[in-house]
C-alpha cells in the first residue's frame, strides 16, 4: 500500500486531537458541537492497525510518544460525563408527542364559539350535498355530476366548484336566503373546520379557489342589492320616565351595595355612551 501523502500525514497526525476526527468510524458519531467527547480508545486501536499496514515512520514516531494509558483514563472519564449528560437530557424532555395529542392541542386554539360554528357550517354543507345528489338522482342519470368526497378529501378544483354551488343554493330552514354577512361567516367557519382537521388553507385567499371567490363576491353583492341583510339587534333606549321609575322604586340608588352595583354601570354607560360589556371593561382613566 502506498504511503500517505506528507501533507495528509501532517493534517492527521501532527496534532493528537486529529486522531479522533480521523479514526471516528462509528455508525452514529456524536456531533462535535454537542458537548460530548467521542470515544478515543477505538480510534487509537484502529490507528495502530492502520499503521501496521502502511508502516509509516512519521506515524510510528508519533504513536511511540502517545500516552495510551492517559488517553484511556480520559476516555473513561469522558464516558461517565457523557452518560451523566444523557441522563440529565432524558429527564429534561418528556416523551415524544403523539400525532393525536398534537391534533387535539391544535383544536384548543379555537374558542368554543368558533368550534360550534365550524361544526355547524360543516353540517350544513353535508346536508346540502346529500339533498343536491338526491335531486340529481331524481332528475335522471346524472351520476357523473354527483358530489363525491368530503370537505377534507376534495381536490382544490372540486372544492372551488362545489363551494360555489353550495353558496348559490344554501338556504335557511325556512327556505329564505342567508344574508350576505352570514354567507361570509359560513365560508370562514368551513375554513376553521378544515383547519381543525389538519387542512390549513385560507379559503378566501388561496389562488386555486378563484371560482369560489368570484361566486361569493357577486352573490353577496346581489343579496345586498335585493335587501337581504342581517337583522341586527337594536339598542333599546331608556326614556326619562323609565329612569325616574327606577330611582323612585329603589332599583337605582346609593344606600346599599346592591343598588350601587346596579347604579354605577348604568350612570357610567349613560354619560360615556357605553353599551356593550366589553366597552365597560375597556374603560380606563385618562383613556
Protein backbone atom coordinates (compact mmCIF):
# COMPACT_ATOMS: atom_id res chain seq x y z
CA UNK A 1 0.00 0.00 0.00
CA UNK A 2 1.28 3.43 -0.87
CA UNK A 3 2.33 5.72 1.92
CA UNK A 4 0.01 8.55 2.95
CA UNK A 5 0.82 11.94 1.47
CA UNK A 6 3.08 14.09 3.68
CA UNK A 7 0.52 16.93 3.87
CA UNK A 8 -2.17 14.44 4.84
CA UNK A 9 0.11 12.99 7.49
CA UNK A 10 0.71 16.44 8.89
CA UNK A 11 -3.03 17.15 8.92
CA UNK A 12 -3.97 13.85 10.51
CA UNK A 13 -1.12 13.04 12.82
CA UNK A 14 0.61 16.34 13.57
CA UNK A 15 -1.96 17.17 16.26
CA UNK A 16 -3.01 14.37 18.65
CA UNK A 17 -6.58 15.76 18.71
CA UNK A 18 -6.88 14.98 14.98
CA UNK A 19 -6.84 11.27 15.72
CA UNK A 20 -10.44 11.50 16.84
CA UNK A 21 -11.58 13.10 13.59
CA UNK A 22 -9.56 10.63 11.53
CA UNK A 23 -10.49 7.40 13.27
CA UNK A 24 -14.09 8.07 14.30
CA UNK A 25 -15.70 5.38 12.12
CA UNK A 26 -18.67 4.68 14.36
CA UNK A 27 -22.12 4.44 12.79
CA UNK A 28 -23.64 7.21 14.91
CA UNK A 29 -20.85 9.64 15.76
CA UNK A 30 -21.59 12.26 18.37
CA UNK A 31 -21.63 15.77 16.78
CA UNK A 32 -18.63 17.92 17.67
CA UNK A 33 -20.86 20.78 18.84
CA UNK A 34 -22.92 18.65 21.22
CA UNK A 35 -20.57 18.94 24.18
CA UNK A 36 -19.97 15.16 24.18
CA UNK A 37 -16.39 13.78 23.76
CA UNK A 38 -16.16 10.87 21.25
CA UNK A 39 -14.70 7.60 22.46
CA UNK A 40 -10.93 7.74 21.98
CA UNK A 41 -9.88 4.14 22.58
CA UNK A 42 -11.44 2.54 19.46
CA UNK A 43 -9.91 5.30 17.34
CA UNK A 44 -6.45 4.72 18.78
CA UNK A 45 -6.70 0.97 18.28
CA UNK A 46 -7.79 1.40 14.69
CA UNK A 47 -4.93 3.82 14.08
CA UNK A 48 -2.50 1.20 15.41
CA UNK A 49 -3.94 -1.35 12.98
CA UNK A 50 -3.66 1.11 10.08
CA UNK A 51 -0.05 1.90 10.97
CA UNK A 52 0.79 -1.82 10.90
CA UNK A 53 -0.39 -1.84 7.28
CA UNK A 54 1.09 1.39 5.94
CA UNK A 55 4.33 1.21 8.02
CA UNK A 56 4.63 4.98 8.00
CA UNK A 57 7.69 6.17 10.03
CA UNK A 58 6.15 9.52 10.98
CA UNK A 59 3.06 7.80 12.36
CA UNK A 60 5.22 5.25 14.16
CA UNK A 61 7.18 8.02 15.88
CA UNK A 62 4.01 9.87 16.83
CA UNK A 63 2.44 6.72 18.30
CA UNK A 64 5.55 5.96 20.34
CA UNK A 65 5.18 9.32 22.11
CA UNK A 66 1.44 8.81 22.72
CA UNK A 67 0.39 8.18 26.35
CA UNK A 68 -2.15 5.40 25.77
CA UNK A 69 -2.95 4.94 29.47
CA UNK A 70 -3.70 8.62 29.86
CA UNK A 71 -5.98 8.56 26.83
CA UNK A 72 -7.83 5.50 28.15
CA UNK A 73 -8.32 7.21 31.51
CA UNK A 74 -9.60 10.38 29.83
CA UNK A 75 -11.91 8.30 27.67
CA UNK A 76 -13.35 6.55 30.75
CA UNK A 77 -13.94 9.88 32.47
CA UNK A 78 -15.47 11.32 29.31
CA UNK A 79 -17.79 8.33 29.04
CA UNK A 80 -19.04 8.96 32.57
CA UNK A 81 -19.60 12.63 31.76
CA UNK A 82 -21.45 11.70 28.60
CA UNK A 83 -23.68 9.28 30.50
CA UNK A 84 -24.46 11.88 33.14
CA UNK A 85 -25.34 14.46 30.49
CA UNK A 86 -27.51 11.97 28.60
CA UNK A 87 -29.33 11.01 31.81
CA UNK A 88 -29.94 14.67 32.51
CA UNK A 89 -31.28 15.25 28.98
CA UNK A 90 -33.52 12.18 29.22
CA UNK A 91 -35.13 13.60 32.35
CA UNK A 92 -35.25 17.10 30.87
CA UNK A 93 -37.60 16.35 27.98
CA UNK A 94 -40.90 14.42 28.15
CA UNK A 95 -41.96 11.50 25.96
CA UNK A 96 -42.41 12.24 22.21
CA UNK A 97 -45.73 13.91 21.41
CA UNK A 98 -48.18 11.66 19.58
CA UNK A 99 -49.94 12.90 16.46
CA UNK A 100 -53.37 12.55 18.08
CA UNK A 101 -52.31 14.64 21.06
CA UNK A 102 -50.90 17.33 18.78
CA UNK A 103 -54.14 17.48 16.77
CA UNK A 104 -56.18 17.75 19.97
CA UNK A 105 -53.95 20.57 21.18
CA UNK A 106 -54.35 22.47 17.91
CA UNK A 107 -58.15 22.36 18.19
CA UNK A 108 -57.90 24.01 21.62
CA UNK A 109 -56.61 27.20 19.97
CA UNK A 110 -60.16 27.88 18.82
CA UNK A 111 -62.80 29.18 21.18
CA UNK A 112 -65.88 27.15 22.00
CA UNK A 113 -68.00 29.50 19.88
CA UNK A 114 -65.70 29.14 16.88
CA UNK A 115 -65.70 25.36 17.29
CA UNK A 116 -69.51 25.25 17.35
CA UNK A 117 -69.77 27.47 14.26
CA UNK A 118 -67.28 25.27 12.42
CA UNK A 119 -69.27 22.13 13.19
CA UNK A 120 -72.50 23.89 12.19
CA UNK A 121 -71.09 25.03 8.83
CA UNK A 122 -69.74 21.55 8.11
CA UNK A 123 -73.13 20.02 8.93
CA UNK A 124 -74.91 22.45 6.59
CA UNK A 125 -72.54 21.52 3.77
CA UNK A 126 -73.10 17.78 4.34
CA UNK A 127 -76.88 18.25 4.40
CA UNK A 128 -76.78 20.34 1.22
CA UNK A 129 -74.57 17.75 -0.54
CA UNK A 130 -76.99 14.94 0.37
CA UNK A 131 -80.04 16.81 -0.97
CA UNK A 132 -78.12 18.03 -4.03
CA UNK A 133 -77.15 14.47 -5.02
CA UNK A 134 -80.65 13.17 -4.29
CA UNK A 135 -82.26 15.75 -6.61
CA UNK A 136 -79.76 14.89 -9.35
CA UNK A 137 -80.70 11.23 -8.96
CA UNK A 138 -84.40 12.05 -9.19
CA UNK A 139 -83.82 14.04 -12.39
CA UNK A 140 -82.35 11.05 -14.19
CA UNK A 141 -78.95 9.60 -14.94
CA UNK A 142 -76.64 12.30 -13.54
CA UNK A 143 -74.19 10.07 -11.72
CA UNK A 144 -71.24 11.92 -13.22
CA UNK A 145 -72.48 15.13 -11.57
CA UNK A 146 -72.77 13.70 -8.06
CA UNK A 147 -70.66 15.43 -5.42
CA UNK A 148 -68.08 12.95 -4.21
CA UNK A 149 -65.91 13.10 -1.12
CA UNK A 150 -65.96 15.49 1.81
CA UNK A 151 -64.55 18.92 2.59
CA UNK A 152 -61.39 17.20 3.81
CA UNK A 153 -60.86 14.89 0.81
CA UNK A 154 -61.79 17.06 -2.20
CA UNK A 155 -59.17 18.35 -4.62
CA UNK A 156 -58.80 22.13 -4.91
CA UNK A 157 -60.69 22.39 -8.23
CA UNK A 158 -63.51 20.25 -6.81
CA UNK A 159 -63.62 22.33 -3.64
CA UNK A 160 -63.86 25.53 -5.67
CA UNK A 161 -66.62 24.09 -7.89
CA UNK A 162 -68.74 22.61 -5.10
CA UNK A 163 -68.39 25.54 -2.70
CA UNK A 164 -69.56 27.84 -5.50
CA UNK A 165 -72.71 25.76 -5.97
CA UNK A 166 -73.12 25.50 -2.21
CA UNK A 167 -73.07 29.30 -1.77
CA UNK A 168 -75.69 29.76 -4.50
CA UNK A 169 -78.04 27.02 -3.29
CA UNK A 170 -77.76 27.25 0.50
CA UNK A 171 -80.92 28.33 2.32
CA UNK A 172 -82.27 28.69 5.84
CA UNK A 173 -84.60 26.04 7.22
CA UNK A 174 -87.46 28.41 6.34
CA UNK A 175 -86.33 28.40 2.71
CA UNK A 176 -85.14 32.01 2.78
CA UNK A 177 -81.69 33.05 1.60
CA UNK A 178 -78.95 33.75 4.10
CA UNK A 179 -77.88 37.41 4.35
CA UNK A 180 -74.57 38.17 2.68
CA UNK A 181 -72.86 38.69 6.06
CA UNK A 182 -73.86 35.17 7.13
CA UNK A 183 -72.59 33.67 3.87
CA UNK A 184 -69.21 35.20 4.53
CA UNK A 185 -69.20 33.80 8.08
CA UNK A 186 -70.15 30.35 6.79
CA UNK A 187 -67.11 30.31 4.50
CA UNK A 188 -64.89 31.33 7.42
CA UNK A 189 -66.44 28.62 9.60
CA UNK A 190 -65.76 25.99 6.92
CA UNK A 191 -62.17 27.23 6.83
CA UNK A 192 -61.94 26.81 10.61
CA UNK A 193 -63.41 23.31 10.33
CA UNK A 194 -60.77 22.31 7.80
CA UNK A 195 -58.01 23.84 9.91
CA UNK A 196 -59.18 21.94 12.98
CA UNK A 197 -58.85 18.73 10.97
CA UNK A 198 -55.34 19.31 9.70
CA UNK A 199 -56.06 21.24 6.47
CA UNK A 200 -54.53 24.68 6.95
CA UNK A 201 -55.93 26.51 3.94
CA UNK A 202 -57.14 30.11 3.60
CA UNK A 203 -60.34 29.73 1.58
CA UNK A 204 -60.66 33.46 0.92
CA UNK A 205 -57.02 33.87 -0.19
CA UNK A 206 -55.99 30.64 -1.89
CA UNK A 207 -55.32 31.29 -5.64
CA UNK A 208 -56.81 27.96 -6.70
CA UNK A 209 -60.26 28.95 -5.42
CA UNK A 210 -60.86 31.88 -7.77
CA UNK A 211 -64.21 30.49 -8.95
CA UNK A 212 -65.46 30.34 -5.36
CA UNK A 213 -64.09 33.84 -4.65
CA UNK A 214 -65.95 35.35 -7.61
CA UNK A 215 -69.15 33.47 -6.78
CA UNK A 216 -69.13 34.65 -3.18
CA UNK A 217 -68.34 38.24 -4.13
CA UNK A 218 -71.03 38.50 -6.83
CA UNK A 219 -73.67 36.70 -4.78
CA UNK A 220 -73.05 38.91 -1.74
CA UNK A 221 -73.45 42.00 -3.91
CA UNK A 222 -76.68 40.62 -5.36
CA UNK A 223 -78.13 39.83 -1.93
CA UNK A 224 -77.18 43.29 -0.68
CA UNK A 225 -78.87 44.89 -3.70
CA UNK A 226 -82.02 42.85 -3.00
CA UNK A 227 -82.03 43.98 0.62
CA UNK A 228 -81.30 40.58 2.11
CA UNK A 229 -79.42 41.78 5.17
CA UNK A 230 -78.86 40.50 8.67
CA UNK A 231 -81.29 41.88 11.25
CA UNK A 232 -79.04 43.34 13.88
CA UNK A 233 -80.29 43.64 17.43
CA UNK A 234 -81.04 47.29 18.03
CA UNK A 235 -80.31 49.02 21.28
CA UNK A 236 -83.46 49.69 23.31
CA UNK A 237 -83.44 53.23 24.58
CA UNK A 238 -84.36 54.04 28.17
CA UNK A 239 -86.56 57.10 28.25
CA UNK A 240 -86.55 59.61 31.11
CA UNK A 241 -89.79 58.26 32.59
CA UNK A 242 -88.29 54.80 32.87
CA UNK A 243 -85.18 56.15 34.59
CA UNK A 244 -87.30 58.13 37.07
CA UNK A 245 -89.25 54.97 37.80
CA UNK A 246 -86.02 53.06 38.62
CA UNK A 247 -84.95 55.83 41.03
CA UNK A 248 -88.33 56.07 42.69
CA UNK A 249 -88.74 52.31 43.18
CA UNK A 250 -85.24 51.84 44.59
CA UNK A 251 -83.75 49.90 41.69
CA UNK A 252 -81.15 52.66 41.48
CA UNK A 253 -79.64 54.38 44.48
CA UNK A 254 -76.61 54.66 46.75
CA UNK A 255 -77.83 53.47 50.13
CA UNK A 256 -76.98 49.77 49.68
CA UNK A 257 -74.12 47.90 47.98
CA UNK A 258 -76.56 46.08 45.69
CA UNK A 259 -78.03 49.35 44.44
CA UNK A 260 -74.56 50.78 43.85
CA UNK A 261 -73.68 47.74 41.74
CA UNK A 262 -76.71 48.48 39.56
CA UNK A 263 -76.36 52.27 39.55
CA UNK A 264 -72.68 52.75 38.72
CA UNK A 265 -72.65 50.76 35.44
CA UNK A 266 -75.88 52.45 34.39
CA UNK A 267 -74.65 56.00 35.02
CA UNK A 268 -71.22 55.32 33.51
CA UNK A 269 -72.89 53.84 30.43
CA UNK A 270 -75.20 56.85 30.07
CA UNK A 271 -72.53 59.52 30.49
CA UNK A 272 -69.82 57.77 28.42
CA UNK A 273 -72.20 56.28 25.81
CA UNK A 274 -71.19 52.71 26.61
CA UNK A 275 -73.40 49.85 25.52
CA UNK A 276 -71.57 46.52 25.44
CA UNK A 277 -69.90 44.80 28.38
CA UNK A 278 -66.57 44.91 26.51
CA UNK A 279 -66.77 48.70 26.35
CA UNK A 280 -67.19 48.89 30.12
CA UNK A 281 -64.22 46.55 30.62
CA UNK A 282 -62.05 48.62 28.28
CA UNK A 283 -62.82 51.88 30.07
CA UNK A 284 -59.66 53.33 31.68
CA UNK A 285 -58.76 56.51 33.50
CA UNK A 286 -57.29 59.00 31.06
CA UNK A 287 -58.05 56.83 28.03
